[in-house]
Amino acid sequence: MIGYVTLGTNDLARAAAFYDAIAKEFGVGRMMEFETFIAWGKPGGAPGIAATQPFDGEAASVGNGTMVALEVDEPAKVHTVYDVAIAHGGSDEGAPGPRGDDGFYAGYFRDPDGNKLNVFCMKAAE
């Protein structure tokens, strides 16, 4: 049902560098690009993610309680994507590791604008 998720940015060039690095880890690149908006993903593929300067011209702000979850297939990839996010200006919100006892394995981070994301898989670490 979800086609893509849009997150606001106050610095599109900075957001582009951050999400270009993350998208690469998912094997995708930019699928749409305009002066104030970039979307990453694969047309007809899994849901994508976009960074945009707000249409109303006001400053972008972070939604309290809002988070985008990015699914990968194994714990090692959770670590890779998390590390890439941190290396490209992201900030830690919870290092990769198991959460609970149901095989949910996740790492949490914020993009350079403060938007919260996580990368997760549903397999226990070896």
PDB file of N, CA and C in Angstrom:
ATOM      1  N   MET A   1       0.807  -1.184   0.000  1.00  0.00           N
ATOM      2  CA  MET A   1       0.000   0.000   0.000  1.00  0.00           C
ATOM      3  C   MET A   1       0.859   1.260   0.000  1.00  0.00           C
ATOM      4  N   ILE A   2       1.938   1.308   0.769  1.00  0.00           N
ATOM      5  CA  ILE A   2       2.771   2.508   0.801  1.00  0.00           C
ATOM      6  C   ILE A   2       3.642   2.543  -0.450  1.00  0.00           C
ATOM      7  N   GLY A   3       3.597   3.670  -1.148  1.00  0.00           N
ATOM      8  CA  GLY A   3       4.412   3.855  -2.345  1.00  0.00           C
ATOM      9  C   GLY A   3       5.765   4.453  -2.018  1.00  0.00           C
ATOM     10  N   TYR A   4       5.760   5.475  -1.146  1.00  0.00           N
ATOM     11  CA  TYR A   4       6.992   6.065  -0.658  1.00  0.00           C
ATOM     12  C   TYR A   4       6.685   6.914   0.570  1.00  0.00           C
ATOM     13  N   VAL A   5       7.723   7.238   1.314  1.00  0.00           N
ATOM     14  CA  VAL A   5       7.623   8.069   2.505  1.00  0.00           C
ATOM     15  C   VAL A   5       8.431   9.331   2.229  1.00  0.00           C
ATOM     16  N   THR A   6       7.897  10.487   2.588  1.00  0.00           N
ATOM     17  CA  THR A   6       8.591  11.755   2.387  1.00  0.00           C
ATOM     18  C   THR A   6       8.999  12.343   3.731  1.00  0.00           C
ATOM     19  N   LEU A   7      10.245  12.772   3.825  1.00  0.00           N
ATOM     20  CA  LEU A   7      10.769  13.429   5.021  1.00  0.00           C
ATOM     21  C   LEU A   7      11.239  14.823   4.634  1.00  0.00           C
ATOM     22  N   GLY A   8      10.955  15.790   5.488  1.00  0.00           N
ATOM     23  CA  GLY A   8      11.351  17.162   5.215  1.00  0.00           C
ATOM     24  C   GLY A   8      12.830  17.391   5.464  1.00  0.00           C
ATOM     25  N   THR A   9      13.390  18.320   4.701  1.00  0.00           N
ATOM     26  CA  THR A   9      14.785  18.710   4.888  1.00  0.00           C
ATOM     27  C   THR A   9      14.920  20.218   4.721  1.00  0.00           C
ATOM     28  N   ASN A  10      15.875  20.779   5.419  1.00  0.00           N
ATOM     29  CA  ASN A  10      16.228  22.187   5.265  1.00  0.00           C
ATOM     30  C   ASN A  10      17.505  22.349   4.456  1.00  0.00           C
ATOM     31  N   ASP A  11      18.107  21.232   4.045  1.00  0.00           N
ATOM     32  CA  ASP A  11      19.338  21.250   3.260  1.00  0.00           C
ATOM     33  C   ASP A  11      19.299  20.048   2.319  1.00  0.00           C
ATOM     34  N   LEU A  12      18.752  20.251   1.124  1.00  0.00           N
ATOM     35  CA  LEU A  12      18.545  19.140   0.195  1.00  0.00           C
ATOM     36  C   LEU A  12      19.861  18.496  -0.230  1.00  0.00           C
ATOM     37  N   ALA A  13      20.910  19.277  -0.426  1.00  0.00           N
ATOM     38  CA  ALA A  13      22.197  18.694  -0.824  1.00  0.00           C
ATOM     39  C   ALA A  13      22.731  17.764   0.265  1.00  0.00           C
ATOM     40  N   ARG A  14      22.624  18.179   1.519  1.00  0.00           N
ATOM     41  CA  ARG A  14      23.083  17.339   2.635  1.00  0.00           C
ATOM     42  C   ARG A  14      22.233  16.072   2.731  1.00  0.00           C
ATOM     43  N   ALA A  15      20.912  16.229   2.606  1.00  0.00           N
ATOM     44  CA  ALA A  15      20.019  15.063   2.641  1.00  0.00           C
ATOM     45  C   ALA A  15      20.325  14.126   1.479  1.00  0.00           C
ATOM     46  N   ALA A  16      20.619  14.684   0.304  1.00  0.00           N
ATOM     47  CA  ALA A  16      20.922  13.855  -0.872  1.00  0.00           C
ATOM     48  C   ALA A  16      22.148  12.987  -0.626  1.00  0.00           C
ATOM     49  N   ALA A  17      23.195  13.568  -0.054  1.00  0.00           N
ATOM     50  CA  ALA A  17      24.407  12.789   0.219  1.00  0.00           C
ATOM     51  C   ALA A  17      24.122  11.668   1.212  1.00  0.00           C
ATOM     52  N   PHE A  18      23.328  11.964   2.256  1.00  0.00           N
ATOM     53  CA  PHE A  18      22.971  10.969   3.261  1.00  0.00           C
ATOM     54  C   PHE A  18      22.162   9.837   2.640  1.00  0.00           C
ATOM     55  N   TYR A  19      21.089  10.159   1.924  1.00  0.00           N
ATOM     56  CA  TYR A  19      20.211   9.129   1.373  1.00  0.00           C
ATOM     57  C   TYR A  19      20.806   8.427   0.155  1.00  0.00           C
ATOM     58  N   ASP A  20      21.692   9.091  -0.592  1.00  0.00           N
ATOM     59  CA  ASP A  20      22.407   8.381  -1.666  1.00  0.00           C
ATOM     60  C   ASP A  20      23.192   7.210  -1.071  1.00  0.00           C
ATOM     61  N   ALA A  21      23.869   7.449   0.057  1.00  0.00           N
ATOM     62  CA  ALA A  21      24.667   6.398   0.701  1.00  0.00           C
ATOM     63  C   ALA A  21      23.788   5.278   1.238  1.00  0.00           C
ATOM     64  N   ILE A  22      22.677   5.628   1.858  1.00  0.00           N
ATOM     65  CA  ILE A  22      21.757   4.608   2.385  1.00  0.00           C
ATOM     66  C   ILE A  22      21.140   3.806   1.234  1.00  0.00           C
ATOM     67  N   ALA A  23      20.670   4.496   0.202  1.00  0.00           N
ATOM     68  CA  ALA A  23      20.022   3.829  -0.933  1.00  0.00           C
ATOM     69  C   ALA A  23      20.968   2.831  -1.600  1.00  0.00           C
ATOM     70  N   LYS A  24      22.234   3.194  -1.682  1.00  0.00           N
ATOM     71  CA  LYS A  24      23.222   2.299  -2.290  1.00  0.00           C
ATOM     72  C   LYS A  24      23.240   0.944  -1.589  1.00  0.00           C
ATOM     73  N   GLU A  25      23.092   0.950  -0.265  1.00  0.00           N
ATOM     74  CA  GLU A  25      23.092  -0.301   0.501  1.00  0.00           C
ATOM     75  C   GLU A  25      21.869  -1.162   0.188  1.00  0.00           C
ATOM     76  N   PHE A  26      20.821  -0.559  -0.357  1.00  0.00           N
ATOM     77  CA  PHE A  26      19.613  -1.290  -0.750  1.00  0.00           C
ATOM     78  C   PHE A  26      19.607  -1.608  -2.246  1.00  0.00           C
ATOM     79  N   GLY A  27      20.671  -1.241  -2.944  1.00  0.00           N
ATOM     80  CA  GLY A  27      20.784  -1.532  -4.365  1.00  0.00           C
ATOM     81  C   GLY A  27      19.898  -0.662  -5.236  1.00  0.00           C
ATOM     82  N   VAL A  28      19.550   0.529  -4.754  1.00  0.00           N
ATOM     83  CA  VAL A  28      18.720   1.449  -5.540  1.00  0.00           C
ATOM     84  C   VAL A  28      19.385   2.821  -5.564  1.00  0.00           C
ATOM     85  N   GLY A  29      18.854   3.675  -6.416  1.00  0.00           N
ATOM     86  CA  GLY A  29      19.344   5.044  -6.509  1.00  0.00           C
ATOM     87  C   GLY A  29      18.174   5.995  -6.585  1.00  0.00           C
ATOM     88  N   ARG A  30      18.445   7.155  -7.099  1.00  0.00           N
ATOM     89  CA  ARG A  30      17.403   8.166  -7.249  1.00  0.00           C
ATOM     90  C   ARG A  30      16.429   7.755  -8.343  1.00  0.00           C
ATOM     91  N   MET A  31      15.138   7.836  -8.038  1.00  0.00           N
ATOM     92  CA  MET A  31      14.134   7.505  -9.055  1.00  0.00           C
ATOM     93  C   MET A  31      13.362   8.735  -9.511  1.00  0.00           C
ATOM     94  N   MET A  32      13.417   9.816  -8.750  1.00  0.00           N
ATOM     95  CA  MET A  32      12.803  11.091  -9.119  1.00  0.00           C
ATOM     96  C   MET A  32      13.670  12.195  -8.535  1.00  0.00           C
ATOM     97  N   GLU A  33      13.822  13.281  -9.301  1.00  0.00           N
ATOM     98  CA  GLU A  33      14.617  14.380  -8.787  1.00  0.00           C
ATOM     99  C   GLU A  33      14.133  15.698  -9.385  1.00  0.00           C
ATOM    100  N   PHE A  34      13.843  16.634  -8.501  1.00  0.00           N
ATOM    101  CA  PHE A  34      13.428  17.972  -8.889  1.00  0.00           C
ATOM    102  C   PHE A  34      14.246  18.967  -8.074  1.00  0.00           C
ATOM    103  N   GLU A  35      14.053  20.236  -8.272  1.00  0.00           N
ATOM    104  CA  GLU A  35      14.830  21.263  -7.578  1.00  0.00           C
ATOM    105  C   GLU A  35      14.704  21.172  -6.056  1.00  0.00           C
ATOM    106  N   THR A  36      13.543  20.780  -5.551  1.00  0.00           N
ATOM    107  CA  THR A  36      13.318  20.759  -4.098  1.00  0.00           C
ATOM    108  C   THR A  36      12.953  19.377  -3.557  1.00  0.00           C
ATOM    109  N   PHE A  37      13.103  18.321  -4.351  1.00  0.00           N
ATOM    110  CA  PHE A  37      12.599  16.996  -3.981  1.00  0.00           C
ATOM    111  C   PHE A  37      13.446  15.925  -4.654  1.00  0.00           C
ATOM    112  N   ILE A  38      13.853  14.911  -3.899  1.00  0.00           N
ATOM    113  CA  ILE A  38      14.535  13.738  -4.454  1.00  0.00           C
ATOM    114  C   ILE A  38      13.905  12.502  -3.833  1.00  0.00           C
ATOM    115  N   ALA A  39      13.634  11.500  -4.656  1.00  0.00           N
ATOM    116  CA  ALA A  39      13.105  10.222  -4.167  1.00  0.00           C
ATOM    117  C   ALA A  39      14.045   9.096  -4.578  1.00  0.00           C
ATOM    118  N   TRP A  40      14.241   8.151  -3.671  1.00  0.00           N
ATOM    119  CA  TRP A  40      15.099   7.001  -3.912  1.00  0.00           C
ATOM    120  C   TRP A  40      14.249   5.741  -3.901  1.00  0.00           C
ATOM    121  N   GLY A  41      14.594   4.802  -4.743  1.00  0.00           N
ATOM    122  CA  GLY A  41      13.880   3.531  -4.810  1.00  0.00           C
ATOM    123  C   GLY A  41      13.956   2.991  -6.215  1.00  0.00           C
ATOM    124  N   LYS A  42      13.038   2.101  -6.518  1.00  0.00           N
ATOM    125  CA  LYS A  42      12.954   1.491  -7.838  1.00  0.00           C
ATOM    126  C   LYS A  42      11.496   1.553  -8.271  1.00  0.00           C
ATOM    127  N   PRO A  43      11.206   2.251  -9.371  1.00  0.00           N
ATOM    128  CA  PRO A  43       9.812   2.304  -9.824  1.00  0.00           C
ATOM    129  C   PRO A  43       9.235   0.890  -9.948  1.00  0.00           C
ATOM    130  N   GLY A  44       8.083   0.682  -9.360  1.00  0.00           N
ATOM    131  CA  GLY A  44       7.456  -0.633  -9.384  1.00  0.00           C
ATOM    132  C   GLY A  44       8.025  -1.590  -8.361  1.00  0.00           C
ATOM    133  N   GLY A  45       8.989  -1.133  -7.557  1.00  0.00           N
ATOM    134  CA  GLY A  45       9.608  -1.984  -6.553  1.00  0.00           C
ATOM    135  C   GLY A  45       9.006  -1.729  -5.183  1.00  0.00           C
ATOM    136  N   ALA A  46       9.789  -2.029  -4.179  1.00  0.00           N
ATOM    137  CA  ALA A  46       9.363  -1.803  -2.798  1.00  0.00           C
ATOM    138  C   ALA A  46       9.165  -0.301  -2.564  1.00  0.00           C
ATOM    139  N   PRO A  47       8.472   0.069  -1.507  1.00  0.00           N
ATOM    140  CA  PRO A  47       8.283   1.497  -1.226  1.00  0.00           C
ATOM    141  C   PRO A  47       9.615   2.242  -1.159  1.00  0.00           C
ATOM    142  N   GLY A  48       9.596   3.484  -1.614  1.00  0.00           N
ATOM    143  CA  GLY A  48      10.787   4.319  -1.621  1.00  0.00           C
ATOM    144  C   GLY A  48      10.753   5.351  -0.512  1.00  0.00           C
ATOM    145  N   ILE A  49      11.786   6.185  -0.486  1.00  0.00           N
ATOM    146  CA  ILE A  49      11.887   7.260   0.491  1.00  0.00           C
ATOM    147  C   ILE A  49      12.268   8.533  -0.247  1.00  0.00           C
ATOM    148  N   ALA A  50      11.779   9.654   0.222  1.00  0.00           N
ATOM    149  CA  ALA A  50      12.056  10.934  -0.427  1.00  0.00           C
ATOM    150  C   ALA A  50      12.430  11.983   0.604  1.00  0.00           C
ATOM    151  N   ALA A  51      13.251  12.936   0.183  1.00  0.00           N
ATOM    152  CA  ALA A  51      13.578  14.112   0.989  1.00  0.00           C
ATOM    153  C   ALA A  51      13.075  15.322   0.217  1.00  0.00           C
ATOM    154  N   THR A  52      12.421  16.233   0.913  1.00  0.00           N
ATOM    155  CA  THR A  52      11.858  17.394   0.241  1.00  0.00           C
ATOM    156  C   THR A  52      11.948  18.646   1.092  1.00  0.00           C
ATOM    157  N   GLN A  53      12.137  19.754   0.439  1.00  0.00           N
ATOM    158  CA  GLN A  53      11.963  21.032   1.103  1.00  0.00           C
ATOM    159  C   GLN A  53      10.459  21.258   1.144  1.00  0.00           C
ATOM    160  N   PRO A  54       9.899  21.653   2.276  1.00  0.00           N
ATOM    161  CA  PRO A  54       8.445  21.791   2.378  1.00  0.00           C
ATOM    162  C   PRO A  54       7.858  22.726   1.310  1.00  0.00           C
ATOM    163  N   PHE A  55       6.767  22.291   0.721  1.00  0.00           N
ATOM    164  CA  PHE A  55       6.087  23.029  -0.338  1.00  0.00           C
ATOM    165  C   PHE A  55       5.639  24.406   0.117  1.00  0.00           C
ATOM    166  N   ASP A  56       5.277  24.528   1.397  1.00  0.00           N
ATOM    167  CA  ASP A  56       4.764  25.809   1.894  1.00  0.00           C
ATOM    168  C   ASP A  56       5.866  26.837   2.169  1.00  0.00           C
ATOM    169  N   GLY A  57       7.126  26.452   1.962  1.00  0.00           N
ATOM    170  CA  GLY A  57       8.228  27.379   2.153  1.00  0.00           C
ATOM    171  C   GLY A  57       8.672  27.546   3.598  1.00  0.00           C
ATOM    172  N   GLU A  58       7.958  26.932   4.520  1.00  0.00           N
ATOM    173  CA  GLU A  58       8.332  26.997   5.934  1.00  0.00           C
ATOM    174  C   GLU A  58       9.468  26.003   6.195  1.00  0.00           C
ATOM    175  N   ALA A  59      10.104  26.147   7.347  1.00  0.00           N
ATOM    176  CA  ALA A  59      11.181  25.242   7.720  1.00  0.00           C
ATOM    177  C   ALA A  59      10.648  23.828   7.936  1.00  0.00           C
ATOM    178  N   ALA A  60      11.441  22.841   7.528  1.00  0.00           N
ATOM    179  CA  ALA A  60      11.094  21.450   7.807  1.00  0.00           C
ATOM    180  C   ALA A  60      11.271  21.203   9.291  1.00  0.00           C
ATOM    181  N   SER A  61      10.427  20.354   9.860  1.00  0.00           N
ATOM    182  CA  SER A  61      10.549  19.987  11.266  1.00  0.00           C
ATOM    183  C   SER A  61      10.318  18.491  11.408  1.00  0.00           C
ATOM    184  N   VAL A  62      10.770  17.955  12.517  1.00  0.00           N
ATOM    185  CA  VAL A  62      10.683  16.519  12.774  1.00  0.00           C
ATOM    186  C   VAL A  62       9.350  16.197  13.446  1.00  0.00           C
ATOM    187  N   GLY A  63       8.691  15.154  13.007  1.00  0.00           N
ATOM    188  CA  GLY A  63       7.445  14.716  13.629  1.00  0.00           C
ATOM    189  C   GLY A  63       7.729  13.921  14.889  1.00  0.00           C
ATOM    190  N   ASN A  64       7.151  14.318  15.999  1.00  0.00           N
ATOM    191  CA  ASN A  64       7.333  13.604  17.255  1.00  0.00           C
ATOM    192  C   ASN A  64       6.579  12.280  17.193  1.00  0.00           C
ATOM    193  N   GLY A  65       7.288  11.184  17.344  1.00  0.00           N
ATOM    194  CA  GLY A  65       6.677   9.862  17.250  1.00  0.00           C
ATOM    195  C   GLY A  65       6.705   9.289  15.844  1.00  0.00           C
ATOM    196  N   THR A  66       7.227  10.038  14.884  1.00  0.00           N
ATOM    197  CA  THR A  66       7.310   9.577  13.496  1.00  0.00           C
ATOM    198  C   THR A  66       8.640   8.873  13.279  1.00  0.00           C
ATOM    199  N   MET A  67       8.606   7.719  12.605  1.00  0.00           N
ATOM    200  CA  MET A  67       9.819   6.979  12.291  1.00  0.00           C
ATOM    201  C   MET A  67       9.593   6.186  11.014  1.00  0.00           C
ATOM    202  N   VAL A  68      10.621   6.089  10.205  1.00  0.00           N
ATOM    203  CA  VAL A  68      10.588   5.264   9.005  1.00  0.00           C
ATOM    204  C   VAL A  68      11.436   4.029   9.275  1.00  0.00           C
ATOM    205  N   ALA A  69      10.895   2.848   9.014  1.00  0.00           N
ATOM    206  CA  ALA A  69      11.600   1.592   9.227  1.00  0.00           C
ATOM    207  C   ALA A  69      12.013   1.009   7.880  1.00  0.00           C
ATOM    208  N   LEU A  70      13.294   0.677   7.750  1.00  0.00           N
ATOM    209  CA  LEU A  70      13.863   0.131   6.524  1.00  0.00           C
ATOM    210  C   LEU A  70      14.206  -1.334   6.762  1.00  0.00           C
ATOM    211  N   GLU A  71      13.618  -2.237   5.988  1.00  0.00           N
ATOM    212  CA  GLU A  71      13.819  -3.671   6.216  1.00  0.00           C
ATOM    213  C   GLU A  71      14.954  -4.232   5.373  1.00  0.00           C
ATOM    214  N   VAL A  72      15.795  -5.029   6.014  1.00  0.00           N
ATOM    215  CA  VAL A  72      16.863  -5.773   5.349  1.00  0.00           C
ATOM    216  C   VAL A  72      16.691  -7.250   5.693  1.00  0.00           C
ATOM    217  N   ASP A  73      17.567  -8.097   5.141  1.00  0.00           N
ATOM    218  CA  ASP A  73      17.347  -9.535   5.297  1.00  0.00           C
ATOM    219  C   ASP A  73      18.188 -10.229   6.360  1.00  0.00           C
ATOM    220  N   GLU A  74      19.154  -9.518   6.972  1.00  0.00           N
ATOM    221  CA  GLU A  74      19.988 -10.188   7.968  1.00  0.00           C
ATOM    222  C   GLU A  74      20.612  -9.173   8.927  1.00  0.00           C
ATOM    223  N   PRO A  75      20.964  -9.618  10.142  1.00  0.00           N
ATOM    224  CA  PRO A  75      21.561  -8.716  11.123  1.00  0.00           C
ATOM    225  C   PRO A  75      22.816  -8.002  10.628  1.00  0.00           C
ATOM    226  N   ALA A  76      23.657  -8.675   9.843  1.00  0.00           N
ATOM    227  CA  ALA A  76      24.873  -8.031   9.345  1.00  0.00           C
ATOM    228  C   ALA A  76      24.529  -6.794   8.519  1.00  0.00           C
ATOM    229  N   LYS A  77      23.460  -6.861   7.758  1.00  0.00           N
ATOM    230  CA  LYS A  77      23.035  -5.725   6.935  1.00  0.00           C
ATOM    231  C   LYS A  77      22.479  -4.602   7.813  1.00  0.00           C
ATOM    232  N   VAL A  78      21.857  -4.954   8.945  1.00  0.00           N
ATOM    233  CA  VAL A  78      21.412  -3.927   9.894  1.00  0.00           C
ATOM    234  C   VAL A  78      22.628  -3.111  10.316  1.00  0.00           C
ATOM    235  N   HIS A  79      23.711  -3.790  10.682  1.00  0.00           N
ATOM    236  CA  HIS A  79      24.934  -3.103  11.106  1.00  0.00           C
ATOM    237  C   HIS A  79      25.507  -2.250   9.974  1.00  0.00           C
ATOM    238  N   THR A  80      25.536  -2.787   8.768  1.00  0.00           N
ATOM    239  CA  THR A  80      26.096  -2.053   7.627  1.00  0.00           C
ATOM    240  C   THR A  80      25.337  -0.761   7.369  1.00  0.00           C
ATOM    241  N   VAL A  81      24.011  -0.851   7.269  1.00  0.00           N
ATOM    242  CA  VAL A  81      23.212   0.345   6.982  1.00  0.00           C
ATOM    243  C   VAL A  81      23.323   1.353   8.124  1.00  0.00           C
ATOM    244  N   TYR A  82      23.262   0.887   9.352  1.00  0.00           N
ATOM    245  CA  TYR A  82      23.421   1.761  10.516  1.00  0.00           C
ATOM    246  C   TYR A  82      24.773   2.477  10.459  1.00  0.00           C
ATOM    247  N   ASP A  83      25.836   1.739  10.205  1.00  0.00           N
ATOM    248  CA  ASP A  83      27.174   2.331  10.137  1.00  0.00           C
ATOM    249  C   ASP A  83      27.281   3.353   9.009  1.00  0.00           C
ATOM    250  N   VAL A  84      26.690   3.058   7.860  1.00  0.00           N
ATOM    251  CA  VAL A  84      26.682   4.007   6.741  1.00  0.00           C
ATOM    252  C   VAL A  84      25.943   5.278   7.136  1.00  0.00           C
ATOM    253  N   ALA A  85      24.815   5.123   7.804  1.00  0.00           N
ATOM    254  CA  ALA A  85      24.040   6.294   8.244  1.00  0.00           C
ATOM    255  C   ALA A  85      24.870   7.176   9.170  1.00  0.00           C
ATOM    256  N   ILE A  86      25.520   6.581  10.143  1.00  0.00           N
ATOM    257  CA  ILE A  86      26.329   7.345  11.096  1.00  0.00           C
ATOM    258  C   ILE A  86      27.511   8.010  10.377  1.00  0.00           C
ATOM    259  N   ALA A  87      28.141   7.295   9.461  1.00  0.00           N
ATOM    260  CA  ALA A  87      29.291   7.830   8.724  1.00  0.00           C
ATOM    261  C   ALA A  87      28.918   8.991   7.807  1.00  0.00           C
ATOM    262  N   HIS A  88      27.650   9.094   7.452  1.00  0.00           N
ATOM    263  CA  HIS A  88      27.197  10.138   6.528  1.00  0.00           C
ATOM    264  C   HIS A  88      26.382  11.221   7.230  1.00  0.00           C
ATOM    265  N   GLY A  89      26.652  11.446   8.483  1.00  0.00           N
ATOM    266  CA  GLY A  89      26.030  12.560   9.191  1.00  0.00           C
ATOM    267  C   GLY A  89      24.845  12.209  10.044  1.00  0.00           C
ATOM    268  N   GLY A  90      24.486  10.939  10.125  1.00  0.00           N
ATOM    269  CA  GLY A  90      23.390  10.523  10.986  1.00  0.00           C
ATOM    270  C   GLY A  90      23.835  10.497  12.436  1.00  0.00           C
ATOM    271  N   SER A  91      22.869  10.421  13.343  1.00  0.00           N
ATOM    272  CA  SER A  91      23.186  10.326  14.766  1.00  0.00           C
ATOM    273  C   SER A  91      22.515   9.102  15.369  1.00  0.00           C
ATOM    274  N   ASP A  92      23.170   8.544  16.369  1.00  0.00           N
ATOM    275  CA  ASP A  92      22.715   7.315  17.016  1.00  0.00           C
ATOM    276  C   ASP A  92      21.436   7.531  17.823  1.00  0.00           C
ATOM    277  N   GLU A  93      20.506   6.591  17.674  1.00  0.00           N
ATOM    278  CA  GLU A  93      19.292   6.552  18.496  1.00  0.00           C
ATOM    279  C   GLU A  93      19.104   5.168  19.101  1.00  0.00           C
ATOM    280  N   GLY A  94      20.103   4.311  18.970  1.00  0.00           N
ATOM    281  CA  GLY A  94      20.039   2.949  19.503  1.00  0.00           C
ATOM    282  C   GLY A  94      20.832   2.015  18.611  1.00  0.00           C
ATOM    283  N   ALA A  95      21.984   1.591  19.077  1.00  0.00           N
ATOM    284  CA  ALA A  95      22.872   0.740  18.282  1.00  0.00           C
ATOM    285  C   ALA A  95      22.182  -0.566  17.879  1.00  0.00           C
ATOM    286  N   PRO A  96      22.629  -1.168  16.774  1.00  0.00           N
ATOM    287  CA  PRO A  96      22.036  -2.430  16.341  1.00  0.00           C
ATOM    288  C   PRO A  96      22.114  -3.512  17.408  1.00  0.00           C
ATOM    289  N   GLY A  97      21.041  -4.265  17.503  1.00  0.00           N
ATOM    290  CA  GLY A  97      20.986  -5.372  18.430  1.00  0.00           C
ATOM    291  C   GLY A  97      19.595  -5.955  18.490  1.00  0.00           C
ATOM    292  N   PRO A  98      19.442  -7.069  19.196  1.00  0.00           N
ATOM    293  CA  PRO A  98      18.124  -7.682  19.329  1.00  0.00           C
ATOM    294  C   PRO A  98      17.206  -6.814  20.184  1.00  0.00           C
ATOM    295  N   ARG A  99      15.953  -6.800  19.844  1.00  0.00           N
ATOM    296  CA  ARG A  99      14.935  -6.089  20.612  1.00  0.00           C
ATOM    297  C   ARG A  99      13.862  -7.109  20.959  1.00  0.00           C
ATOM    298  N   GLY A 100      13.780  -7.482  22.202  1.00  0.00           N
ATOM    299  CA  GLY A 100      12.823  -8.511  22.599  1.00  0.00           C
ATOM    300  C   GLY A 100      13.345  -9.881  22.262  1.00  0.00           C
ATOM    301  N   ASP A 101      12.452 -10.870  22.316  1.00  0.00           N
ATOM    302  CA  ASP A 101      12.871 -12.250  22.072  1.00  0.00           C
ATOM    303  C   ASP A 101      12.154 -12.882  20.886  1.00  0.00           C
ATOM    304  N   ASP A 102      11.639 -12.044  19.988  1.00  0.00           N
ATOM    305  CA  ASP A 102      10.887 -12.577  18.850  1.00  0.00           C
ATOM    306  C   ASP A 102      11.653 -12.528  17.532  1.00  0.00           C
ATOM    307  N   GLY A 103      12.996 -12.304  17.579  1.00  0.00           N
ATOM    308  CA  GLY A 103      13.801 -12.267  16.372  1.00  0.00           C
ATOM    309  C   GLY A 103      13.888 -10.895  15.723  1.00  0.00           C
ATOM    310  N   PHE A 104      13.313  -9.875  16.355  1.00  0.00           N
ATOM    311  CA  PHE A 104      13.384  -8.515  15.828  1.00  0.00           C
ATOM    312  C   PHE A 104      14.756  -7.950  16.167  1.00  0.00           C
ATOM    313  N   TYR A 105      15.507  -7.554  15.140  1.00  0.00           N
ATOM    314  CA  TYR A 105      16.875  -7.059  15.288  1.00  0.00           C
ATOM    315  C   TYR A 105      16.937  -5.712  14.598  1.00  0.00           C
ATOM    316  N   ALA A 106      17.324  -4.649  15.302  1.00  0.00           N
ATOM    317  CA  ALA A 106      17.222  -3.311  14.730  1.00  0.00           C
ATOM    318  C   ALA A 106      18.294  -2.367  15.252  1.00  0.00           C
ATOM    319  N   GLY A 107      18.581  -1.352  14.437  1.00  0.00           N
ATOM    320  CA  GLY A 107      19.415  -0.223  14.814  1.00  0.00           C
ATOM    321  C   GLY A 107      18.648   1.047  14.485  1.00  0.00           C
ATOM    322  N   TYR A 108      18.755   2.041  15.355  1.00  0.00           N
ATOM    323  CA  TYR A 108      17.989   3.287  15.212  1.00  0.00           C
ATOM    324  C   TYR A 108      18.924   4.471  15.024  1.00  0.00           C
ATOM    325  N   PHE A 109      18.550   5.395  14.146  1.00  0.00           N
ATOM    326  CA  PHE A 109      19.369   6.579  13.889  1.00  0.00           C
ATOM    327  C   PHE A 109      18.496   7.716  13.380  1.00  0.00           C
ATOM    328  N   ARG A 110      19.074   8.907  13.393  1.00  0.00           N
ATOM    329  CA  ARG A 110      18.413  10.080  12.817  1.00  0.00           C
ATOM    330  C   ARG A 110      19.230  10.571  11.635  1.00  0.00           C
ATOM    331  N   ASP A 111      18.532  11.076  10.622  1.00  0.00           N
ATOM    332  CA  ASP A 111      19.228  11.675   9.486  1.00  0.00           C
ATOM    333  C   ASP A 111      19.747  13.049   9.899  1.00  0.00           C
ATOM    334  N   PRO A 112      20.516  13.735   9.036  1.00  0.00           N
ATOM    335  CA  PRO A 112      21.074  15.031   9.430  1.00  0.00           C
ATOM    336  C   PRO A 112      20.032  16.107   9.768  1.00  0.00           C
ATOM    337  N   ASP A 113      18.774  15.935   9.339  1.00  0.00           N
ATOM    338  CA  ASP A 113      17.714  16.881   9.686  1.00  0.00           C
ATOM    339  C   ASP A 113      16.995  16.500  10.968  1.00  0.00           C
ATOM    340  N   GLY A 114      17.321  15.340  11.548  1.00  0.00           N
ATOM    341  CA  GLY A 114      16.691  14.901  12.787  1.00  0.00           C
ATOM    342  C   GLY A 114      15.547  13.928  12.611  1.00  0.00           C
ATOM    343  N   ASN A 115      15.235  13.524  11.379  1.00  0.00           N
ATOM    344  CA  ASN A 115      14.182  12.544  11.141  1.00  0.00           C
ATOM    345  C   ASN A 115      14.650  11.178  11.634  1.00  0.00           C
ATOM    346  N   LYS A 116      13.790  10.478  12.367  1.00  0.00           N
ATOM    347  CA  LYS A 116      14.161   9.189  12.948  1.00  0.00           C
ATOM    348  C   LYS A 116      13.873   8.048  11.978  1.00  0.00           C
ATOM    349  N   LEU A 117      14.845   7.143  11.861  1.00  0.00           N
ATOM    350  CA  LEU A 117      14.720   5.948  11.031  1.00  0.00           C
ATOM    351  C   LEU A 117      15.235   4.756  11.825  1.00  0.00           C
ATOM    352  N   ASN A 118      14.870   3.576  11.365  1.00  0.00           N
ATOM    353  CA  ASN A 118      15.530   2.383  11.871  1.00  0.00           C
ATOM    354  C   ASN A 118      15.753   1.446  10.702  1.00  0.00           C
ATOM    355  N   VAL A 119      16.697   0.548  10.881  1.00  0.00           N
ATOM    356  CA  VAL A 119      16.933  -0.531   9.927  1.00  0.00           C
ATOM    357  C   VAL A 119      16.761  -1.809  10.730  1.00  0.00           C
ATOM    358  N   PHE A 120      15.996  -2.761  10.184  1.00  0.00           N
ATOM    359  CA  PHE A 120      15.660  -3.951  10.956  1.00  0.00           C
ATOM    360  C   PHE A 120      15.567  -5.182  10.083  1.00  0.00           C
ATOM    361  N   CYS A 121      15.614  -6.337  10.748  1.00  0.00           N
ATOM    362  CA  CYS A 121      15.298  -7.610  10.105  1.00  0.00           C
ATOM    363  C   CYS A 121      14.593  -8.477  11.147  1.00  0.00           C
ATOM    364  N   MET A 122      13.999  -9.541  10.688  1.00  0.00           N
ATOM    365  CA  MET A 122      13.245 -10.434  11.576  1.00  0.00           C
ATOM    366  C   MET A 122      13.967 -11.770  11.743  1.00  0.00           C
ATOM    367  N   LYS A 123      15.287 -11.718  11.895  1.00  0.00           N
ATOM    368  CA  LYS A 123      16.077 -12.925  12.135  1.00  0.00           C
ATOM    369  C   LYS A 123      17.006 -12.649  13.300  1.00  0.00           C
ATOM    370  N   ALA A 124      17.130 -13.595  14.175  1.00  0.00           N
ATOM    371  CA  ALA A 124      18.029 -13.438  15.312  1.00  0.00           C
ATOM    372  C   ALA A 124      19.475 -13.445  14.832  1.00  0.00           C
ATOM    373  N   ALA A 125      20.339 -12.723  15.520  1.00  0.00           N
ATOM    374  CA  ALA A 125      21.773 -12.696  15.188  1.00  0.00           C
ATOM    375  C   ALA A 125      22.383 -14.057  15.462  1.00  0.00           C
ATOM    376  N   GLU A 126      23.371 -14.378  14.688  1.00  0.00           N
ATOM    377  CA  GLU A 126      24.089 -15.657  14.879  1.00  0.00           C
ATOM    378  C   GLU A 126      24.951 -15.567  16.108  1.00  0.00           C
TER     379      GLU A 126
END
